[in-house]
Amino acid sequence: MLRHRFTAEDFHRMHEAGILPEDARVELVEGEIVTMSPVGKRHMAAVKRLMDLLFPLQQARKALLQVQDPLRLSPENEPQPDLALLAYRGDFYRDKVPEARDALLVVEVADTSLDYDLNVKVPLYARAGVPEVWVVDLARDRIHVFRRPAGEGYGEREALEEGELEVLGLKVPVKEVLP
């Protein structure tokens, strides 16, 4: 099978030309355009709950909250994590797509996409140096936490069903994340 690889710039030009509609649920992974899983009610609730829990960091101008928007990891990788906590910028990234070095935390919510998130996306985030990733596992009511990127993986990983997570001094109870 012949595959054509795209760069993030190609990907954006396709959006601008109308080849990919603006509302298309697609992301760029390893140079391929990948259709994202449909979003169910539990998934939507978990994202909204996370937005609510993490919003104080944006109010305090410690970080910007980005929801289901692109994050450029490399020229061939521009996934759209469910949520990203970005370094605060007064221009709100008006003139550029945020990059891996801007990300403080990336969160993926997995209802039907757990295997893909853990085995494809987490290694991409690690390789790009994203310092912390949470994968909210809605099927098993737990959060997979990854810290200290090292190559294709993370030096620290744990699965939490209770307790607290902490990001930029904000404590986030695990039970409050899970809908």
Protein backbone atom coordinates (compact mmCIF):
# COMPACT_ATOMS: atom_id res chain seq x y z
CA MET A 1 0.00 0.00 0.00
CA LEU A 2 1.32 3.42 -0.96
CA ARG A 3 0.99 6.10 1.71
CA HIS A 4 1.57 9.80 1.35
CA ARG A 5 3.05 11.51 4.39
CA PHE A 6 2.08 15.04 5.27
CA THR A 7 3.72 17.75 7.34
CA ALA A 8 1.85 19.98 9.74
CA GLU A 9 2.19 22.78 7.17
CA ASP A 10 0.58 20.56 4.48
CA PHE A 11 -2.15 19.71 6.98
CA HIS A 12 -2.92 23.39 7.64
CA ARG A 13 -2.88 24.22 3.92
CA MET A 14 -5.47 21.46 3.36
CA HIS A 15 -7.69 23.08 5.99
CA GLU A 16 -7.20 26.53 4.43
CA ALA A 17 -8.02 25.19 0.95
CA GLY A 18 -11.19 23.52 2.21
CA ILE A 19 -9.93 19.99 1.47
CA LEU A 20 -10.35 19.24 5.16
CA PRO A 21 -13.40 21.00 6.59
CA GLU A 22 -12.79 23.18 9.61
CA ASP A 23 -14.96 20.94 11.77
CA ALA A 24 -13.29 17.69 10.64
CA ARG A 25 -12.31 15.55 13.65
CA VAL A 26 -8.83 14.70 12.38
CA GLU A 27 -5.28 15.04 13.64
CA LEU A 28 -1.82 14.52 12.18
CA VAL A 29 0.06 11.53 13.64
CA GLU A 30 3.37 10.33 12.18
CA GLY A 31 2.61 12.23 8.96
CA GLU A 32 -0.79 10.57 8.47
CA ILE A 33 -4.19 12.19 8.80
CA VAL A 34 -6.07 10.18 11.41
CA THR A 35 -9.78 10.36 12.15
CA MET A 36 -10.41 10.88 15.84
CA SER A 37 -12.89 8.77 17.81
CA PRO A 38 -16.41 10.15 18.23
CA VAL A 39 -17.01 11.95 21.51
CA GLY A 40 -19.62 10.46 23.84
CA LYS A 41 -21.47 12.01 26.78
CA ARG A 42 -19.08 10.68 29.44
CA HIS A 43 -16.13 11.98 27.43
CA MET A 44 -17.72 15.43 27.12
CA ALA A 45 -18.51 15.50 30.84
CA ALA A 46 -14.92 14.55 31.75
CA VAL A 47 -13.47 17.32 29.55
CA LYS A 48 -15.85 19.89 31.04
CA ARG A 49 -15.02 18.72 34.56
CA LEU A 50 -11.28 19.04 33.84
CA MET A 51 -11.81 22.53 32.39
CA ASP A 52 -13.62 23.53 35.57
CA LEU A 53 -10.96 22.03 37.86
CA LEU A 54 -7.99 23.54 35.97
CA PHE A 55 -9.51 26.94 35.17
CA PRO A 56 -8.13 28.59 38.34
CA LEU A 57 -4.65 28.27 36.77
CA GLN A 58 -5.79 30.35 33.82
CA GLN A 59 -7.54 32.89 36.05
CA ALA A 60 -4.28 33.33 37.97
CA ARG A 61 -2.41 33.65 34.63
CA LYS A 62 -0.19 30.71 35.52
CA ALA A 63 -1.22 28.83 32.37
CA LEU A 64 -3.64 28.81 29.45
CA LEU A 65 -6.19 26.07 29.07
CA GLN A 66 -6.51 24.70 25.54
CA VAL A 67 -9.39 22.35 24.69
CA GLN A 68 -9.31 20.00 21.69
CA ASP A 69 -6.97 22.22 19.66
CA PRO A 70 -3.74 21.27 17.85
CA LEU A 71 -0.42 20.90 19.63
CA ARG A 72 2.61 20.78 17.33
CA LEU A 73 5.01 18.09 18.53
CA SER A 74 7.16 17.90 15.39
CA PRO A 75 6.80 18.65 11.66
CA GLU A 76 4.87 15.34 11.24
CA ASN A 77 2.90 15.29 14.49
CA GLU A 78 0.11 17.63 15.43
CA PRO A 79 -2.41 15.80 17.60
CA GLN A 80 -5.40 17.47 19.18
CA PRO A 81 -5.33 16.46 22.83
CA ASP A 82 -8.59 16.78 24.71
CA LEU A 83 -6.95 19.32 26.96
CA ALA A 84 -3.56 20.99 27.21
CA LEU A 85 -2.26 23.32 29.86
CA LEU A 86 0.09 25.75 28.13
CA ALA A 87 2.65 28.25 29.36
CA TYR A 88 0.84 31.55 29.79
CA ARG A 89 1.18 34.06 26.95
CA GLY A 90 -0.59 37.39 26.82
CA ASP A 91 -1.27 36.99 23.08
CA PHE A 92 -2.98 33.61 23.69
CA TYR A 93 -0.85 32.03 20.91
CA ARG A 94 -2.56 34.23 18.32
CA ASP A 95 0.19 33.86 15.69
CA LYS A 96 1.32 30.26 16.15
CA VAL A 97 0.16 26.79 16.94
CA PRO A 98 1.37 25.91 20.45
CA GLU A 99 4.30 23.50 20.46
CA ALA A 100 5.46 20.72 22.77
CA ARG A 101 7.79 23.12 24.60
CA ASP A 102 4.74 25.29 25.46
CA ALA A 103 2.85 22.38 27.07
CA LEU A 104 2.94 21.99 30.84
CA LEU A 105 0.39 19.17 30.87
CA VAL A 106 -1.52 17.22 28.22
CA VAL A 107 -4.71 15.32 29.01
CA GLU A 108 -6.36 12.67 26.86
CA VAL A 109 -9.80 11.37 27.83
CA ALA A 110 -10.27 7.75 26.75
CA ASP A 111 -13.70 6.23 26.44
CA THR A 112 -13.01 3.94 23.46
CA SER A 113 -9.48 5.12 22.59
CA LEU A 114 -7.43 3.90 25.59
CA ASP A 115 -5.13 1.58 23.62
CA TYR A 116 -4.45 4.27 21.01
CA ASP A 117 -3.87 6.96 23.63
CA LEU A 118 -1.49 4.81 25.70
CA ASN A 119 0.43 3.16 22.86
CA VAL A 120 0.50 5.82 20.15
CA LYS A 121 -0.10 9.26 21.64
CA VAL A 122 1.74 8.95 24.98
CA PRO A 123 5.00 7.89 23.21
CA LEU A 124 4.61 10.88 20.85
CA TYR A 125 4.26 13.23 23.81
CA ALA A 126 7.28 11.63 25.51
CA ARG A 127 9.43 11.91 22.39
CA ALA A 128 8.47 15.60 22.10
CA GLY A 129 9.37 16.24 25.77
CA VAL A 130 5.90 17.02 27.14
CA PRO A 131 6.61 16.96 30.90
CA GLU A 132 3.35 15.42 32.10
CA VAL A 133 0.47 13.51 30.52
CA TRP A 134 -2.77 12.29 32.08
CA VAL A 135 -4.91 9.69 30.32
CA VAL A 136 -8.36 9.58 31.87
CA ASP A 137 -9.57 5.99 31.53
CA LEU A 138 -13.36 6.21 31.63
CA ALA A 139 -13.85 2.44 31.24
CA ARG A 140 -11.93 1.62 34.44
CA ASP A 141 -12.40 4.89 36.35
CA ARG A 142 -8.72 5.70 36.74
CA ILE A 143 -6.16 8.19 35.55
CA HIS A 144 -2.88 7.05 34.02
CA VAL A 145 -0.22 9.62 34.93
CA PHE A 146 3.07 9.95 33.06
CA ARG A 147 5.96 12.19 34.16
CA ARG A 148 9.65 12.64 33.29
CA PRO A 149 9.79 12.03 29.53
CA ALA A 150 12.63 9.75 28.42
CA GLY A 151 12.81 8.76 24.76
CA GLU A 152 9.61 6.96 23.71
CA GLY A 153 8.26 6.71 27.26
CA TYR A 154 8.15 8.25 30.68
CA GLY A 155 10.41 7.56 33.65
CA GLU A 156 7.50 7.78 36.06
CA ARG A 157 4.07 6.25 35.43
CA GLU A 158 1.21 5.32 37.69
CA ALA A 159 -2.52 4.56 37.49
CA LEU A 160 -4.64 6.30 40.12
CA GLU A 161 -8.18 5.52 41.21
CA GLU A 162 -8.08 7.90 44.19
CA GLY A 163 -5.83 10.51 45.74
CA GLU A 164 -4.77 13.84 44.28
CA LEU A 165 -2.87 15.09 41.29
CA GLU A 166 -0.98 18.35 41.43
CA VAL A 167 -0.14 20.75 38.65
CA LEU A 168 1.41 24.19 39.19
CA GLY A 169 0.49 24.03 42.87
CA LEU A 170 -3.18 23.25 42.17
CA LYS A 171 -4.44 20.05 43.77
CA VAL A 172 -6.86 18.03 41.65
CA PRO A 173 -8.76 15.19 43.38
CA VAL A 174 -8.82 12.11 41.13
CA LYS A 175 -12.45 11.34 42.05
CA GLU A 176 -13.51 14.81 40.86
CA VAL A 177 -11.99 14.23 37.42
CA LEU A 178 -13.91 11.01 36.83
CA PRO A 179 -17.56 11.64 35.86
